[in-house]
């Protein structure tokens, strides 16, 4: 049975690297019209403060980054490329702007509604993960294997920016799921930041469940 309890704020009051690793296998849950839409987190990236030139906080405190400077365990959603929303979880101490971008999801609840929000690929091609996830088959490339895709699948927009992910009565939270062992985790540089200089370009702050 799914746990109804969100992860506590203390889970997020750590470095973004620790939180990103810890989120692998956790369930991201969206309550939509009384229905649970949920999926296991398969990939996450850490963004670490004003010094990190890949982080939005490099610009300092702005209307856009204000949520990142707030307390840990809140949702930070931003709009990119004029078309897509991205979901992050704020981490660390209040006043220190760090967050984890949730990059990929394996849907496990509310599949029909998720497929309405984000249609299945026309030619699904399953690929196996190294960790079994209860209630799921193999993940489908092209469905929710990207940060914009999972926001579309869960109907997440800027209206959800700043939500408390630790609120058990809220619309959006993360709860305990499957423990992912270290040998099933791939760690490497973050993606989509080609214009960022070193050493930030190559920081090994992307964590993902391995494909077998």
N, C-alpha and C. Protein backbone atom coordinates (compact mmCIF):
# COMPACT_ATOMS: atom_id res chain seq x y z
N UNK A 1 0.84 -1.20 0.00
CA UNK A 1 0.00 0.00 0.00
C UNK A 1 0.88 1.25 0.00
N UNK A 2 0.56 2.24 -0.80
CA UNK A 2 1.35 3.47 -0.80
C UNK A 2 1.30 4.16 0.56
N UNK A 3 2.41 4.73 0.96
CA UNK A 3 2.43 5.50 2.20
C UNK A 3 1.76 6.84 1.96
N UNK A 4 0.88 7.28 2.88
CA UNK A 4 0.23 8.58 2.71
C UNK A 4 1.07 9.72 3.24
N UNK A 5 2.24 9.41 3.79
CA UNK A 5 3.02 10.41 4.50
C UNK A 5 4.14 10.98 3.62
N UNK A 6 4.14 12.29 3.40
CA UNK A 6 5.24 12.91 2.65
C UNK A 6 6.55 12.80 3.42
N UNK A 7 7.66 12.85 2.70
CA UNK A 7 8.95 12.94 3.35
C UNK A 7 8.99 14.21 4.20
N UNK A 8 9.65 14.15 5.33
CA UNK A 8 9.71 15.27 6.25
C UNK A 8 10.66 16.35 5.74
N UNK A 9 10.51 17.54 6.26
CA UNK A 9 11.38 18.64 5.83
C UNK A 9 12.84 18.34 6.13
N UNK A 10 13.11 17.54 7.17
CA UNK A 10 14.48 17.19 7.50
C UNK A 10 15.17 16.42 6.38
N UNK A 11 14.39 15.71 5.56
CA UNK A 11 14.97 15.00 4.41
C UNK A 11 15.60 16.00 3.44
N UNK A 12 14.96 17.15 3.28
CA UNK A 12 15.42 18.14 2.31
C UNK A 12 16.45 19.10 2.89
N UNK A 13 16.62 19.09 4.20
CA UNK A 13 17.54 20.03 4.85
C UNK A 13 18.96 19.52 4.80
N UNK A 14 19.37 19.07 3.65
CA UNK A 14 20.71 18.52 3.41
C UNK A 14 21.25 19.14 2.13
N UNK A 15 22.43 18.71 1.72
CA UNK A 15 22.98 19.23 0.47
C UNK A 15 22.12 18.74 -0.70
N UNK A 16 22.09 19.48 -1.81
CA UNK A 16 21.31 19.02 -2.95
C UNK A 16 21.81 17.70 -3.51
N UNK A 17 23.10 17.43 -3.37
CA UNK A 17 23.65 16.16 -3.85
C UNK A 17 23.08 14.99 -3.03
N UNK A 18 23.03 15.16 -1.71
CA UNK A 18 22.47 14.11 -0.86
C UNK A 18 20.98 13.90 -1.15
N UNK A 19 20.27 15.00 -1.34
CA UNK A 19 18.83 14.89 -1.61
C UNK A 19 18.59 14.25 -2.98
N UNK A 20 19.36 14.64 -3.98
CA UNK A 20 19.18 14.07 -5.32
C UNK A 20 19.37 12.55 -5.29
N UNK A 21 20.41 12.11 -4.61
CA UNK A 21 20.65 10.65 -4.49
C UNK A 21 19.51 10.01 -3.71
N UNK A 22 19.08 10.64 -2.64
CA UNK A 22 18.04 10.07 -1.81
C UNK A 22 16.68 10.01 -2.46
N UNK A 23 16.44 10.86 -3.47
CA UNK A 23 15.14 10.87 -4.14
C UNK A 23 14.97 9.72 -5.13
N UNK A 24 16.05 9.08 -5.52
CA UNK A 24 15.92 7.96 -6.46
C UNK A 24 15.09 6.85 -5.81
N UNK A 25 14.05 6.44 -6.48
CA UNK A 25 13.16 5.40 -5.97
C UNK A 25 12.01 5.91 -5.14
N UNK A 26 12.05 7.19 -4.74
CA UNK A 26 10.92 7.77 -4.01
C UNK A 26 9.75 7.99 -4.96
N UNK A 27 8.54 8.08 -4.40
CA UNK A 27 7.35 8.31 -5.22
C UNK A 27 6.97 9.78 -5.21
N UNK A 28 6.89 10.36 -6.40
CA UNK A 28 6.35 11.71 -6.58
C UNK A 28 4.85 11.56 -6.78
N UNK A 29 4.06 12.27 -5.97
CA UNK A 29 2.61 12.11 -5.99
C UNK A 29 1.94 13.45 -6.25
N UNK A 30 0.99 13.43 -7.16
CA UNK A 30 0.17 14.60 -7.47
C UNK A 30 -1.28 14.23 -7.23
N UNK A 31 -1.96 15.00 -6.39
CA UNK A 31 -3.39 14.80 -6.19
C UNK A 31 -4.13 15.68 -7.18
N UNK A 32 -4.86 15.07 -8.11
CA UNK A 32 -5.54 15.80 -9.16
C UNK A 32 -7.00 15.36 -9.21
N UNK A 33 -7.90 16.29 -8.88
CA UNK A 33 -9.34 15.98 -8.85
C UNK A 33 -9.62 14.77 -7.98
N UNK A 34 -8.92 14.67 -6.86
CA UNK A 34 -9.14 13.58 -5.92
C UNK A 34 -8.45 12.28 -6.26
N UNK A 35 -7.74 12.22 -7.38
CA UNK A 35 -7.06 11.00 -7.81
C UNK A 35 -5.55 11.14 -7.61
N UNK A 36 -4.93 10.05 -7.18
CA UNK A 36 -3.47 10.03 -7.05
C UNK A 36 -2.83 9.70 -8.39
N UNK A 37 -1.98 10.60 -8.87
CA UNK A 37 -1.11 10.31 -10.00
C UNK A 37 0.29 10.23 -9.42
N UNK A 38 0.98 9.14 -9.66
CA UNK A 38 2.26 8.95 -8.99
C UNK A 38 3.24 8.19 -9.87
N UNK A 39 4.51 8.39 -9.55
CA UNK A 39 5.55 7.66 -10.24
C UNK A 39 6.83 7.65 -9.42
N UNK A 40 7.65 6.65 -9.66
CA UNK A 40 8.94 6.55 -8.99
C UNK A 40 9.96 7.46 -9.67
N UNK A 41 10.72 8.16 -8.88
CA UNK A 41 11.74 9.06 -9.42
C UNK A 41 12.94 8.23 -9.88
N UNK A 42 13.33 8.42 -11.14
CA UNK A 42 14.42 7.65 -11.73
C UNK A 42 15.67 8.49 -11.97
N UNK A 43 15.55 9.81 -11.93
CA UNK A 43 16.69 10.65 -12.25
C UNK A 43 16.52 12.02 -11.59
N UNK A 44 17.61 12.54 -11.05
CA UNK A 44 17.57 13.84 -10.39
C UNK A 44 18.94 14.52 -10.49
N UNK A 45 18.93 15.86 -10.53
CA UNK A 45 20.16 16.64 -10.63
C UNK A 45 20.23 17.68 -9.52
N UNK A 46 21.43 17.88 -8.98
CA UNK A 46 21.64 18.85 -7.91
C UNK A 46 22.14 20.18 -8.47
N UNK A 47 21.59 21.27 -7.91
CA UNK A 47 22.02 22.63 -8.25
C UNK A 47 22.32 23.35 -6.93
N UNK A 48 23.55 23.87 -6.80
CA UNK A 48 24.10 24.16 -5.49
C UNK A 48 24.58 25.60 -5.29
N UNK A 49 23.64 26.52 -5.11
CA UNK A 49 23.97 27.85 -4.66
C UNK A 49 24.43 28.84 -5.71
N UNK A 50 24.72 30.03 -5.26
CA UNK A 50 25.08 31.13 -6.16
C UNK A 50 26.39 30.89 -6.90
N UNK A 51 27.30 30.13 -6.30
CA UNK A 51 28.59 29.86 -6.94
C UNK A 51 28.47 28.88 -8.09
N UNK A 52 27.43 28.07 -8.08
CA UNK A 52 27.21 27.08 -9.15
C UNK A 52 26.66 27.81 -10.37
N UNK A 53 27.48 27.91 -11.40
CA UNK A 53 27.08 28.70 -12.58
C UNK A 53 26.03 28.01 -13.44
N UNK A 54 25.66 26.79 -13.09
CA UNK A 54 24.55 26.12 -13.77
C UNK A 54 23.23 26.33 -13.02
N UNK A 55 23.31 26.95 -11.85
CA UNK A 55 22.14 27.14 -10.99
C UNK A 55 21.52 28.51 -11.25
N UNK A 56 20.20 28.59 -11.20
CA UNK A 56 19.53 29.89 -11.39
C UNK A 56 19.97 30.91 -10.35
N UNK A 57 20.41 30.43 -9.18
CA UNK A 57 20.82 31.33 -8.11
C UNK A 57 22.10 32.09 -8.42
N UNK A 58 22.76 31.77 -9.52
CA UNK A 58 23.95 32.54 -9.91
C UNK A 58 23.60 34.01 -10.11
N UNK A 59 22.32 34.29 -10.39
CA UNK A 59 21.85 35.67 -10.56
C UNK A 59 21.47 36.32 -9.24
N UNK A 60 21.57 35.57 -8.14
CA UNK A 60 21.19 36.10 -6.85
C UNK A 60 19.70 36.03 -6.60
N UNK A 61 19.26 36.75 -5.60
CA UNK A 61 17.85 36.75 -5.23
C UNK A 61 17.04 37.60 -6.22
N UNK A 62 16.13 36.95 -6.92
CA UNK A 62 15.26 37.61 -7.90
C UNK A 62 13.84 37.08 -7.68
N UNK A 63 12.85 37.70 -8.31
CA UNK A 63 11.50 37.14 -8.20
C UNK A 63 11.44 35.67 -8.61
N UNK A 64 12.25 35.31 -9.61
CA UNK A 64 12.23 33.92 -10.08
C UNK A 64 12.85 32.97 -9.05
N UNK A 65 13.96 33.38 -8.43
CA UNK A 65 14.68 32.47 -7.55
C UNK A 65 14.26 32.57 -6.08
N UNK A 66 13.32 33.43 -5.76
CA UNK A 66 12.96 33.67 -4.36
C UNK A 66 12.63 32.37 -3.62
N UNK A 67 11.90 31.46 -4.27
CA UNK A 67 11.52 30.21 -3.61
C UNK A 67 12.76 29.41 -3.20
N UNK A 68 13.82 29.48 -4.01
CA UNK A 68 15.03 28.73 -3.69
C UNK A 68 15.69 29.22 -2.41
N UNK A 69 15.48 30.47 -2.06
CA UNK A 69 16.07 31.03 -0.85
C UNK A 69 15.20 30.74 0.39
N UNK A 70 14.08 30.14 0.17
CA UNK A 70 13.18 29.84 1.29
C UNK A 70 13.52 28.53 1.95
N UNK A 71 12.58 28.01 2.72
CA UNK A 71 12.84 26.80 3.50
C UNK A 71 12.82 25.56 2.62
N UNK A 72 13.58 24.56 3.05
CA UNK A 72 13.69 23.31 2.31
C UNK A 72 12.35 22.58 2.26
N UNK A 73 12.19 21.77 1.20
CA UNK A 73 10.99 20.97 1.08
C UNK A 73 9.84 21.67 0.37
N UNK A 74 10.15 22.74 -0.37
CA UNK A 74 9.14 23.42 -1.18
C UNK A 74 9.42 23.19 -2.67
N UNK A 75 8.37 23.28 -3.46
CA UNK A 75 8.51 23.08 -4.90
C UNK A 75 8.97 24.37 -5.57
N UNK A 76 9.93 24.24 -6.45
CA UNK A 76 10.38 25.36 -7.28
C UNK A 76 10.12 24.97 -8.73
N UNK A 77 9.14 25.63 -9.36
CA UNK A 77 8.83 25.37 -10.75
C UNK A 77 9.20 26.58 -11.59
N UNK A 78 9.85 26.33 -12.69
CA UNK A 78 10.22 27.43 -13.59
C UNK A 78 9.87 27.06 -15.02
N UNK A 79 9.71 28.08 -15.82
CA UNK A 79 9.32 27.95 -17.23
C UNK A 79 10.57 28.10 -18.09
N UNK A 80 10.71 27.25 -19.08
CA UNK A 80 11.91 27.29 -19.91
C UNK A 80 11.57 27.09 -21.38
N UNK A 81 12.41 27.62 -22.23
CA UNK A 81 12.24 27.52 -23.69
C UNK A 81 10.88 28.03 -24.15
N UNK A 82 10.23 28.84 -23.33
CA UNK A 82 8.95 29.40 -23.70
C UNK A 82 7.83 28.38 -23.83
N UNK A 83 8.06 27.17 -23.29
CA UNK A 83 7.06 26.13 -23.52
C UNK A 83 6.91 25.13 -22.39
N UNK A 84 7.92 24.96 -21.54
CA UNK A 84 7.93 23.83 -20.62
C UNK A 84 8.13 24.25 -19.17
N UNK A 85 7.46 23.52 -18.26
CA UNK A 85 7.66 23.68 -16.83
C UNK A 85 8.61 22.60 -16.32
N UNK A 86 9.41 22.96 -15.31
CA UNK A 86 10.35 22.03 -14.69
C UNK A 86 10.13 22.05 -13.18
N UNK A 87 10.15 20.86 -12.56
CA UNK A 87 9.90 20.73 -11.14
C UNK A 87 11.20 20.48 -10.37
N UNK A 88 11.42 21.27 -9.33
CA UNK A 88 12.56 21.12 -8.45
C UNK A 88 12.08 21.05 -7.01
N UNK A 89 12.89 20.45 -6.15
CA UNK A 89 12.67 20.47 -4.71
C UNK A 89 13.76 21.32 -4.07
N UNK A 90 13.36 22.32 -3.29
CA UNK A 90 14.32 23.19 -2.61
C UNK A 90 15.00 22.42 -1.48
N UNK A 91 16.31 22.61 -1.33
CA UNK A 91 17.07 21.88 -0.33
C UNK A 91 17.91 22.84 0.52
N UNK A 92 18.51 22.29 1.59
CA UNK A 92 19.47 23.02 2.40
C UNK A 92 18.85 24.01 3.36
N UNK A 93 19.70 24.80 4.03
CA UNK A 93 19.21 25.76 5.01
C UNK A 93 18.51 26.95 4.37
N UNK A 94 17.58 27.54 5.08
CA UNK A 94 16.91 28.74 4.60
C UNK A 94 17.94 29.83 4.32
N UNK A 95 17.79 30.47 3.16
CA UNK A 95 18.73 31.52 2.77
C UNK A 95 19.83 31.04 1.85
N UNK A 96 20.00 29.72 1.76
CA UNK A 96 21.00 29.17 0.83
C UNK A 96 20.26 28.58 -0.36
N UNK A 97 20.41 29.14 -1.56
CA UNK A 97 19.60 28.73 -2.71
C UNK A 97 20.11 27.47 -3.42
N UNK A 98 19.55 26.36 -3.06
CA UNK A 98 19.91 25.09 -3.70
C UNK A 98 18.63 24.31 -3.99
N UNK A 99 18.68 23.45 -5.00
CA UNK A 99 17.49 22.69 -5.37
C UNK A 99 17.89 21.45 -6.16
N UNK A 100 16.95 20.54 -6.27
CA UNK A 100 17.14 19.32 -7.05
C UNK A 100 16.09 19.29 -8.15
N UNK A 101 16.55 19.17 -9.39
CA UNK A 101 15.66 19.04 -10.54
C UNK A 101 15.27 17.57 -10.70
N UNK A 102 13.98 17.31 -10.73
CA UNK A 102 13.48 15.94 -10.93
C UNK A 102 13.36 15.71 -12.44
N UNK A 103 14.15 14.78 -12.96
CA UNK A 103 14.31 14.66 -14.40
C UNK A 103 13.54 13.51 -15.05
N UNK A 104 13.21 12.47 -14.31
CA UNK A 104 12.54 11.33 -14.94
C UNK A 104 11.70 10.58 -13.92
N UNK A 105 10.63 9.99 -14.42
CA UNK A 105 9.63 9.35 -13.58
C UNK A 105 9.17 8.04 -14.22
N UNK A 106 8.91 7.03 -13.38
CA UNK A 106 8.30 5.78 -13.83
C UNK A 106 6.88 5.74 -13.27
N UNK A 107 5.86 6.04 -14.08
CA UNK A 107 4.48 6.10 -13.57
C UNK A 107 4.04 4.77 -12.96
N UNK A 108 3.31 4.87 -11.84
CA UNK A 108 2.84 3.65 -11.18
C UNK A 108 1.39 3.75 -10.70
N UNK A 109 0.81 4.95 -10.63
CA UNK A 109 -0.58 5.13 -10.22
C UNK A 109 -1.23 6.18 -11.09
N UNK A 110 -2.52 5.98 -11.36
CA UNK A 110 -3.25 6.92 -12.20
C UNK A 110 -2.78 6.91 -13.63
N UNK A 111 -2.44 5.71 -14.12
CA UNK A 111 -1.82 5.61 -15.44
C UNK A 111 -2.72 6.12 -16.56
N UNK A 112 -4.00 5.86 -16.48
CA UNK A 112 -4.92 6.30 -17.54
C UNK A 112 -4.95 7.82 -17.60
N UNK A 113 -5.00 8.48 -16.44
CA UNK A 113 -5.03 9.94 -16.42
C UNK A 113 -3.69 10.52 -16.89
N UNK A 114 -2.60 9.88 -16.48
CA UNK A 114 -1.28 10.33 -16.93
C UNK A 114 -1.18 10.23 -18.45
N UNK A 115 -1.71 9.15 -19.01
CA UNK A 115 -1.67 8.97 -20.46
C UNK A 115 -2.55 9.99 -21.18
N UNK A 116 -3.62 10.46 -20.53
CA UNK A 116 -4.44 11.52 -21.12
C UNK A 116 -3.65 12.83 -21.16
N UNK A 117 -2.94 13.10 -20.06
CA UNK A 117 -2.18 14.33 -19.97
C UNK A 117 -0.97 14.34 -20.89
N UNK A 118 -0.32 13.19 -20.98
CA UNK A 118 0.85 13.05 -21.84
C UNK A 118 0.73 11.70 -22.54
N UNK A 119 0.25 11.68 -23.79
CA UNK A 119 0.02 10.41 -24.48
C UNK A 119 1.25 9.54 -24.53
N UNK A 120 0.98 8.24 -24.48
CA UNK A 120 2.07 7.26 -24.60
C UNK A 120 2.77 7.40 -25.94
N UNK A 121 4.05 7.04 -26.02
CA UNK A 121 4.74 7.06 -27.31
C UNK A 121 4.00 6.18 -28.32
N UNK A 122 4.02 6.58 -29.56
CA UNK A 122 3.30 5.82 -30.59
C UNK A 122 3.90 4.43 -30.80
N UNK A 123 5.20 4.31 -30.53
CA UNK A 123 5.85 3.00 -30.68
C UNK A 123 6.62 2.70 -29.40
N UNK A 124 5.91 2.33 -28.34
CA UNK A 124 6.59 2.10 -27.06
C UNK A 124 7.62 0.98 -27.16
N UNK A 125 8.76 1.21 -26.57
CA UNK A 125 9.85 0.23 -26.57
C UNK A 125 10.40 0.14 -25.15
N UNK A 126 9.90 -0.80 -24.36
CA UNK A 126 10.36 -0.90 -22.98
C UNK A 126 11.86 -1.16 -22.88
N UNK A 127 12.46 -0.64 -21.83
CA UNK A 127 13.84 -1.01 -21.55
C UNK A 127 13.95 -1.28 -20.06
N UNK A 128 14.72 -2.31 -19.69
CA UNK A 128 14.71 -2.79 -18.30
C UNK A 128 15.59 -1.95 -17.38
N UNK A 129 15.08 -1.76 -16.16
CA UNK A 129 15.83 -1.10 -15.12
C UNK A 129 16.51 -2.14 -14.24
N UNK A 130 17.53 -1.72 -13.51
CA UNK A 130 18.28 -2.65 -12.67
C UNK A 130 17.62 -2.86 -11.32
N UNK A 131 16.54 -2.14 -11.04
CA UNK A 131 15.83 -2.25 -9.77
C UNK A 131 14.36 -2.52 -10.05
N UNK A 132 13.74 -3.50 -9.39
CA UNK A 132 12.31 -3.74 -9.58
C UNK A 132 11.48 -2.68 -8.85
N UNK A 133 10.43 -2.21 -9.50
CA UNK A 133 9.53 -1.23 -8.90
C UNK A 133 8.14 -1.84 -8.83
N UNK A 134 7.60 -2.06 -7.63
CA UNK A 134 6.29 -2.71 -7.48
C UNK A 134 5.20 -1.97 -8.24
N UNK A 135 4.35 -2.75 -8.90
CA UNK A 135 3.21 -2.17 -9.59
C UNK A 135 3.55 -1.57 -10.94
N UNK A 136 4.79 -1.74 -11.38
CA UNK A 136 5.22 -1.16 -12.66
C UNK A 136 5.81 -2.23 -13.56
N UNK A 137 5.66 -2.02 -14.83
CA UNK A 137 6.40 -2.81 -15.79
C UNK A 137 7.73 -2.12 -16.05
N UNK A 138 8.22 -2.24 -17.25
CA UNK A 138 9.44 -1.54 -17.61
C UNK A 138 9.10 -0.13 -18.06
N UNK A 139 10.03 0.77 -17.82
CA UNK A 139 9.77 2.16 -18.17
C UNK A 139 9.75 2.33 -19.69
N UNK A 140 9.05 3.34 -20.16
CA UNK A 140 8.88 3.56 -21.59
C UNK A 140 9.63 4.82 -22.02
N UNK A 141 10.66 4.68 -22.83
CA UNK A 141 11.35 5.88 -23.33
C UNK A 141 10.37 6.79 -24.06
N UNK A 142 10.49 8.07 -23.80
CA UNK A 142 9.64 9.02 -24.50
C UNK A 142 8.36 9.38 -23.78
N UNK A 143 8.05 8.69 -22.68
CA UNK A 143 6.80 9.00 -21.98
C UNK A 143 7.06 10.05 -20.89
N UNK A 144 7.71 9.68 -19.82
CA UNK A 144 8.00 10.64 -18.75
C UNK A 144 9.49 10.63 -18.40
N UNK A 145 10.33 10.46 -19.40
CA UNK A 145 11.78 10.39 -19.18
C UNK A 145 12.45 11.75 -19.41
N UNK A 146 11.81 12.80 -18.97
CA UNK A 146 12.38 14.14 -19.07
C UNK A 146 11.63 15.06 -18.14
N UNK A 147 12.26 16.12 -17.64
CA UNK A 147 11.61 17.00 -16.65
C UNK A 147 10.38 17.70 -17.17
N UNK A 148 10.38 18.12 -18.43
CA UNK A 148 9.19 18.77 -18.99
C UNK A 148 8.07 17.74 -19.21
N UNK A 149 8.45 16.53 -19.60
CA UNK A 149 7.47 15.48 -19.85
C UNK A 149 6.72 15.10 -18.57
N UNK A 150 7.45 14.99 -17.47
CA UNK A 150 6.77 14.58 -16.23
C UNK A 150 5.88 15.68 -15.69
N UNK A 151 6.26 16.94 -15.92
CA UNK A 151 5.37 18.04 -15.52
C UNK A 151 4.09 18.03 -16.34
N UNK A 152 4.22 17.75 -17.61
CA UNK A 152 3.02 17.64 -18.46
C UNK A 152 2.16 16.47 -18.00
N UNK A 153 2.77 15.34 -17.69
CA UNK A 153 2.04 14.15 -17.28
C UNK A 153 1.26 14.37 -15.98
N UNK A 154 1.82 15.19 -15.09
CA UNK A 154 1.18 15.42 -13.80
C UNK A 154 0.43 16.75 -13.74
N UNK A 155 0.33 17.44 -14.87
CA UNK A 155 -0.35 18.74 -14.93
C UNK A 155 0.24 19.73 -13.92
N UNK A 156 1.55 19.88 -13.94
CA UNK A 156 2.24 20.81 -13.06
C UNK A 156 2.63 22.06 -13.83
N UNK A 157 2.34 23.22 -13.24
CA UNK A 157 2.62 24.50 -13.87
C UNK A 157 3.15 25.48 -12.81
N UNK A 158 3.30 26.72 -13.21
CA UNK A 158 3.74 27.75 -12.29
C UNK A 158 2.78 27.96 -11.13
N UNK A 159 1.54 27.52 -11.27
CA UNK A 159 0.58 27.64 -10.18
C UNK A 159 1.00 26.82 -8.97
N UNK A 160 1.92 25.87 -9.18
CA UNK A 160 2.36 25.00 -8.10
C UNK A 160 3.71 25.44 -7.52
N UNK A 161 4.25 26.52 -8.05
CA UNK A 161 5.50 27.04 -7.53
C UNK A 161 5.34 27.45 -6.07
N UNK A 162 6.25 26.99 -5.22
CA UNK A 162 6.21 27.34 -3.80
C UNK A 162 5.40 26.40 -2.94
N UNK A 163 4.75 25.38 -3.51
CA UNK A 163 3.97 24.45 -2.70
C UNK A 163 4.87 23.74 -1.69
N UNK A 164 4.30 23.46 -0.53
CA UNK A 164 5.00 22.73 0.52
C UNK A 164 4.91 21.23 0.22
N UNK A 165 6.04 20.64 -0.14
CA UNK A 165 6.06 19.21 -0.48
C UNK A 165 5.91 18.32 0.75
N UNK A 166 5.93 18.91 1.94
CA UNK A 166 5.81 18.15 3.18
C UNK A 166 4.40 18.21 3.76
N UNK A 167 3.48 18.83 3.05
CA UNK A 167 2.10 18.99 3.53
C UNK A 167 1.29 17.74 3.17
N UNK A 168 0.86 16.96 4.17
CA UNK A 168 0.12 15.72 3.86
C UNK A 168 -1.24 15.99 3.23
N UNK A 169 -1.73 17.21 3.33
CA UNK A 169 -3.02 17.53 2.72
C UNK A 169 -2.89 18.32 1.44
N UNK A 170 -1.67 18.41 0.91
CA UNK A 170 -1.41 19.23 -0.25
C UNK A 170 -1.70 18.54 -1.57
N UNK A 171 -1.40 19.25 -2.66
CA UNK A 171 -1.62 18.73 -4.01
C UNK A 171 -0.42 17.97 -4.55
N UNK A 172 0.74 18.17 -3.93
CA UNK A 172 1.98 17.63 -4.48
C UNK A 172 2.92 17.27 -3.34
N UNK A 173 3.45 16.06 -3.37
CA UNK A 173 4.41 15.66 -2.34
C UNK A 173 5.26 14.50 -2.86
N UNK A 174 6.28 14.17 -2.06
CA UNK A 174 7.14 13.02 -2.35
C UNK A 174 7.13 12.13 -1.11
N UNK A 175 6.94 10.84 -1.33
CA UNK A 175 6.88 9.89 -0.23
C UNK A 175 7.88 8.76 -0.45
N UNK A 176 8.13 8.01 0.61
CA UNK A 176 9.07 6.89 0.51
C UNK A 176 8.60 5.89 -0.53
N UNK A 177 9.55 5.26 -1.20
CA UNK A 177 9.21 4.30 -2.24
C UNK A 177 10.10 3.08 -2.15
N UNK A 178 10.99 2.93 -3.12
CA UNK A 178 11.89 1.78 -3.22
C UNK A 178 13.31 2.22 -2.89
N UNK A 179 14.01 1.44 -2.10
CA UNK A 179 15.41 1.71 -1.82
C UNK A 179 16.25 1.30 -3.03
N UNK A 180 17.00 2.23 -3.56
CA UNK A 180 17.85 1.95 -4.72
C UNK A 180 19.29 1.80 -4.24
N UNK A 181 19.89 0.61 -4.38
CA UNK A 181 21.26 0.40 -3.90
C UNK A 181 22.28 1.17 -4.74
N UNK A 182 23.43 1.45 -4.15
CA UNK A 182 24.45 2.25 -4.83
C UNK A 182 24.88 1.62 -6.15
N UNK A 183 24.92 0.29 -6.20
CA UNK A 183 25.38 -0.36 -7.44
C UNK A 183 24.38 -0.20 -8.58
N UNK A 184 23.17 0.25 -8.28
CA UNK A 184 22.15 0.47 -9.32
C UNK A 184 22.03 1.94 -9.70
N UNK A 185 22.97 2.77 -9.24
CA UNK A 185 22.92 4.21 -9.50
C UNK A 185 24.07 4.64 -10.41
N UNK A 186 23.73 5.38 -11.44
CA UNK A 186 24.73 5.97 -12.34
C UNK A 186 24.88 7.44 -11.98
N UNK A 187 26.11 7.89 -11.81
CA UNK A 187 26.40 9.27 -11.43
C UNK A 187 27.26 9.91 -12.51
N UNK A 188 26.90 11.13 -12.92
CA UNK A 188 27.67 11.79 -13.96
C UNK A 188 27.36 13.27 -14.04
N UNK A 189 27.87 13.95 -15.05
CA UNK A 189 27.62 15.39 -15.21
C UNK A 189 26.16 15.67 -15.53
N UNK A 190 25.72 16.86 -15.19
CA UNK A 190 24.37 17.29 -15.51
C UNK A 190 24.25 17.53 -17.02
N UNK A 191 23.03 17.50 -17.51
CA UNK A 191 22.81 17.63 -18.95
C UNK A 191 22.09 18.95 -19.25
N UNK A 192 22.20 19.38 -20.51
CA UNK A 192 21.51 20.58 -20.95
C UNK A 192 22.12 21.87 -20.47
N UNK A 193 23.42 21.84 -20.08
CA UNK A 193 24.08 23.04 -19.56
C UNK A 193 25.38 23.31 -20.34
N UNK A 194 25.35 23.08 -21.63
CA UNK A 194 26.57 23.15 -22.44
C UNK A 194 27.27 24.50 -22.41
N UNK A 195 26.54 25.56 -22.14
CA UNK A 195 27.15 26.89 -22.14
C UNK A 195 27.81 27.24 -20.81
N UNK A 196 27.69 26.38 -19.83
CA UNK A 196 28.24 26.63 -18.50
C UNK A 196 29.73 26.26 -18.48
N UNK A 197 30.59 27.12 -17.91
CA UNK A 197 32.02 26.82 -17.89
C UNK A 197 32.38 25.75 -16.85
N UNK A 198 33.60 25.25 -16.97
CA UNK A 198 34.13 24.35 -15.95
C UNK A 198 34.44 25.15 -14.68
N UNK A 199 34.44 24.52 -13.52
CA UNK A 199 34.24 23.09 -13.30
C UNK A 199 32.78 22.66 -13.25
N UNK A 200 31.87 23.65 -13.37
CA UNK A 200 30.44 23.36 -13.17
C UNK A 200 29.88 22.45 -14.25
N UNK A 201 30.43 22.57 -15.46
CA UNK A 201 29.94 21.74 -16.56
C UNK A 201 30.09 20.25 -16.26
N UNK A 202 31.17 19.89 -15.59
CA UNK A 202 31.48 18.48 -15.38
C UNK A 202 31.21 17.98 -13.96
N UNK A 203 30.61 18.79 -13.13
CA UNK A 203 30.32 18.33 -11.78
C UNK A 203 29.44 17.07 -11.83
N UNK A 204 29.80 16.02 -11.11
CA UNK A 204 29.03 14.76 -11.16
C UNK A 204 27.81 14.82 -10.25
N UNK A 205 26.85 15.65 -10.62
CA UNK A 205 25.70 15.91 -9.77
C UNK A 205 24.39 15.43 -10.40
N UNK A 206 24.50 14.52 -11.34
CA UNK A 206 23.31 13.90 -11.93
C UNK A 206 23.26 12.44 -11.47
N UNK A 207 22.13 12.06 -10.90
CA UNK A 207 21.96 10.72 -10.34
C UNK A 207 20.79 10.05 -11.05
N UNK A 208 21.00 8.82 -11.52
CA UNK A 208 19.92 8.13 -12.22
C UNK A 208 19.98 6.64 -11.97
N UNK A 209 18.82 5.99 -12.00
CA UNK A 209 18.75 4.54 -11.88
C UNK A 209 19.28 3.92 -13.16
N UNK A 210 20.19 2.98 -13.03
CA UNK A 210 20.81 2.36 -14.21
C UNK A 210 19.81 1.53 -14.99
N UNK A 211 20.07 1.45 -16.28
CA UNK A 211 19.35 0.55 -17.18
C UNK A 211 20.23 -0.68 -17.40
N UNK A 212 19.64 -1.85 -17.30
CA UNK A 212 20.43 -3.08 -17.43
C UNK A 212 20.68 -3.42 -18.90
